[in-house]
C-alpha atoms as a PDB file:
ATOM      1  CA  PRO A   1     -21.258  14.848  28.690  1.00  0.00           C
ATOM      2  CA  PRO A   2     -20.646  14.347  24.947  1.00  0.00           C
ATOM      3  CA  GLN A   3     -23.538  12.884  23.008  1.00  0.00           C
ATOM      4  CA  ASP A   4     -23.178   9.780  20.892  1.00  0.00           C
ATOM      5  CA  ARG A   5     -23.962  10.820  17.320  1.00  0.00           C
ATOM      6  CA  GLY A   6     -23.698   7.349  15.801  1.00  0.00           C
ATOM      7  CA  ALA A   7     -20.986   5.460  13.988  1.00  0.00           C
ATOM      8  CA  GLY A   8     -20.968   7.651  10.873  1.00  0.00           C
ATOM      9  CA  SER A   9     -20.640  11.020  12.577  1.00  0.00           C
ATOM     10  CA  HIS A  10     -17.444  12.933  13.197  1.00  0.00           C
ATOM     11  CA  ASN A  11     -16.415  16.097  14.931  1.00  0.00           C
ATOM     12  CA  THR A  12     -15.757  18.845  12.390  1.00  0.00           C
ATOM     13  CA  ASN A  13     -13.487  20.687  14.860  1.00  0.00           C
ATOM     14  CA  GLN A  14     -10.919  17.903  14.892  1.00  0.00           C
ATOM     15  CA  GLU A  15      -7.864  18.195  12.695  1.00  0.00           C
ATOM     16  CA  GLN A  16      -7.554  15.831   9.766  1.00  0.00           C
ATOM     17  CA  GLN A  17      -5.600  12.768  10.793  1.00  0.00           C
ATOM     18  CA  LYS A  18      -2.389  12.150   8.903  1.00  0.00           C
ATOM     19  CA  GLY A  19      -1.034   8.765   7.961  1.00  0.00           C
ATOM     20  CA  SER A  20       1.709   7.215  10.023  1.00  0.00           C
ATOM     21  CA  LEU A  21       4.678   5.108   9.060  1.00  0.00           C
ATOM     22  CA  LEU A  22       3.164   2.161  10.923  1.00  0.00           C
ATOM     23  CA  GLY A  23      -0.144   2.551   9.088  1.00  0.00           C
ATOM     24  CA  ALA A  24       1.522   2.826   5.693  1.00  0.00           C
ATOM     25  CA  SER A  25       3.726  -0.186   6.391  1.00  0.00           C
ATOM     26  CA  SER A  26       0.708  -2.171   7.515  1.00  0.00           C
ATOM     27  CA  ASN A  27      -1.245  -1.336   4.341  1.00  0.00           C
ATOM     28  CA  ILE A  28       1.640  -2.250   2.038  1.00  0.00           C
ATOM     29  CA  THR A  29       2.315  -5.482   3.940  1.00  0.00           C
ATOM     30  CA  ASN A  30      -1.354  -6.490   3.825  1.00  0.00           C
ATOM     31  CA  ALA A  31      -1.510  -5.877   0.081  1.00  0.00           C
ATOM     32  CA  ILE A  32       1.650  -7.835  -0.646  1.00  0.00           C
ATOM     33  CA  ILE A  33       0.894 -10.750   1.655  1.00  0.00           C
ATOM     34  CA  GLY A  34      -2.775 -10.911   0.703  1.00  0.00           C
ATOM     35  CA  ALA A  35      -2.090 -11.120  -3.022  1.00  0.00           C
ATOM     36  CA  GLY A  36       0.842 -13.484  -2.621  1.00  0.00           C
ATOM     37  CA  CYS A  37      -0.787 -16.006  -0.307  1.00  0.00           C
ATOM     38  CA  ILE A  38      -3.493 -16.856  -2.811  1.00  0.00           C
ATOM     39  CA  GLY A  39      -1.172 -18.260  -5.446  1.00  0.00           C
ATOM     40  CA  TYR A  40       1.931 -19.420  -3.572  1.00  0.00           C
ATOM     41  CA  ALA A  41       0.878 -22.951  -2.685  1.00  0.00           C
ATOM     42  CA  GLY A  42      -0.043 -24.030  -6.199  1.00  0.00           C
ATOM     43  CA  ALA A  43       2.874 -22.250  -7.865  1.00  0.00           C
ATOM     44  CA  LEU A  44       5.457 -23.680  -5.488  1.00  0.00           C
ATOM     45  CA  ALA A  45       4.021 -27.191  -5.744  1.00  0.00           C
ATOM     46  CA  GLN A  46       4.248 -27.211  -9.540  1.00  0.00           C
ATOM     47  CA  SER A  47       7.575 -25.443  -9.999  1.00  0.00           C
ATOM     48  CA  GLY A  48       9.851 -27.498  -7.745  1.00  0.00           C
ATOM     49  CA  GLY A  49      12.331 -26.585  -5.019  1.00  0.00           C
ATOM     50  CA  LEU A  50      15.077 -24.583  -6.730  1.00  0.00           C
ATOM     51  CA  VAL A  51      12.755 -22.667  -9.006  1.00  0.00           C
ATOM     52  CA  SER A  52      10.523 -21.869  -6.023  1.00  0.00           C
ATOM     53  CA  ILE A  53      13.435 -20.448  -4.047  1.00  0.00           C
ATOM     54  CA  ALA A  54      14.589 -18.397  -7.042  1.00  0.00           C
ATOM     55  CA  LEU A  55      11.064 -17.030  -7.546  1.00  0.00           C
ATOM     56  CA  ILE A  56      10.682 -16.091  -3.881  1.00  0.00           C
ATOM     57  CA  VAL A  57      14.031 -14.268  -3.900  1.00  0.00           C
ATOM     58  CA  GLY A  58      13.166 -12.548  -7.187  1.00  0.00           C
ATOM     59  CA  PHE A  59       9.759 -11.358  -6.043  1.00  0.00           C
ATOM     60  CA  ALA A  60      11.178 -10.244  -2.686  1.00  0.00           C
ATOM     61  CA  THR A  61      13.721  -8.137  -4.571  1.00  0.00           C
ATOM     62  CA  LEU A  62      11.028  -6.607  -6.794  1.00  0.00           C
ATOM     63  CA  THR A  63       8.885  -5.854  -3.742  1.00  0.00           C
ATOM     64  CA  LYS A  64      11.764  -4.113  -1.979  1.00  0.00           C
ATOM     65  CA  LEU A  65      12.591  -2.063  -5.071  1.00  0.00           C
ATOM     66  CA  SER A  66       8.930  -1.050  -5.434  1.00  0.00           C
ATOM     67  CA  CYS A  67       8.657   0.005  -1.791  1.00  0.00           C
ATOM     68  CA  ASP A  68      11.942   1.927  -2.013  1.00  0.00           C
ATOM     69  CA  LEU A  69      10.688   3.725  -5.128  1.00  0.00           C
ATOM     70  CA  ILE A  70       7.426   4.729  -3.439  1.00  0.00           C
ATOM     71  CA  ILE A  71       9.291   5.990  -0.362  1.00  0.00           C
ATOM     72  CA  ASP A  72      11.859   7.933  -2.418  1.00  0.00           C
ATOM     73  CA  LEU A  73       9.157   9.551  -4.550  1.00  0.00           C
ATOM     74  CA  GLY A  74       7.098  10.409  -1.474  1.00  0.00           C
ATOM     75  CA  GLN A  75      10.093  12.121   0.113  1.00  0.00           C
ATOM     76  CA  SER A  76      11.147  13.976  -3.035  1.00  0.00           C
ATOM     77  CA  TYR A  77       7.604  15.276  -3.686  1.00  0.00           C
ATOM     78  CA  ASP A  78       6.993  15.874   0.058  1.00  0.00           C
ATOM     79  CA  CYS A  79       3.837  13.750   0.025  1.00  0.00           C
ATOM     80  CA  GLU A  80       2.333  12.305   3.192  1.00  0.00           C
ATOM     81  CA  SER A  81      -0.112   9.888   1.571  1.00  0.00           C
ATOM     82  CA  TYR A  82      -0.284   7.504  -1.351  1.00  0.00           C
ATOM     83  CA  GLU A  83      -3.094   9.565  -2.907  1.00  0.00           C
ATOM     84  CA  ALA A  84      -1.032  12.755  -2.711  1.00  0.00           C
ATOM     85  CA  LEU A  85       1.873  10.936  -4.365  1.00  0.00           C
ATOM     86  CA  GLY A  86      -0.394   9.810  -7.198  1.00  0.00           C
ATOM     87  CA  ILE A  87      -1.581  13.376  -7.762  1.00  0.00           C
ATOM     88  CA  ALA A  88       1.945  14.829  -7.546  1.00  0.00           C
ATOM     89  CA  THR A  89       3.431  12.382 -10.042  1.00  0.00           C
ATOM     90  CA  CYS A  90       0.614  11.783 -12.547  1.00  0.00           C
ATOM     91  CA  GLY A  91      -2.046  14.435 -11.879  1.00  0.00           C
ATOM     92  CA  LYS A  92      -5.697  13.449 -12.126  1.00  0.00           C
ATOM     93  CA  TRP A  93      -4.773  10.114 -13.754  1.00  0.00           C
ATOM     94  CA  GLY A  94      -2.589   9.249 -10.776  1.00  0.00           C
ATOM     95  CA  GLN A  95      -5.402  10.081  -8.386  1.00  0.00           C
ATOM     96  CA  ALA A  96      -7.806   7.923 -10.421  1.00  0.00           C
ATOM     97  CA  ALA A  97      -5.334   5.026 -10.455  1.00  0.00           C
ATOM     98  CA  VAL A  98      -4.919   5.166  -6.679  1.00  0.00           C
ATOM     99  CA  MET A  99      -8.672   5.322  -6.109  1.00  0.00           C
ATOM    100  CA  PHE A 100      -9.234   2.433  -8.531  1.00  0.00           C
ATOM    101  CA  SER A 101      -6.557   0.295  -6.865  1.00  0.00           C
ATOM    102  CA  LYS A 102      -8.138   0.829  -3.432  1.00  0.00           C
ATOM    103  CA  ALA A 103     -11.572  -0.314  -4.590  1.00  0.00           C
END
C-alpha cells in the first residue's frame, strides 16, 4: 500500500497539472467579487440610485473587456496560465507583476 508522506509531499512521477477553464474562471470571479464586495455598500449608499446603476453597468463592462483581453492574449500567445501570459507579454517584469499580484 502507498505510504502517507505528509501534507507537503508530492509524487515526482506525476505530470504537472495544468489549469482548467473552470479553475481560471473561479479565480477571476473570486478576485472580482472579493474586491468589489468590500466597497459596494458604502459607495452605493452615498451615490444614489441612478448613479449606482450607471456605476454597476460601467464596471461590469470594464470587467468583461478585461476578461476578454486576457482570454484573447492567452489564445494568441498560446499560454495556458496567467503566469505564462505575463512572461510572454512583458518578460521578467510581467512574471514579477503576476507574482506580486498573487501575494
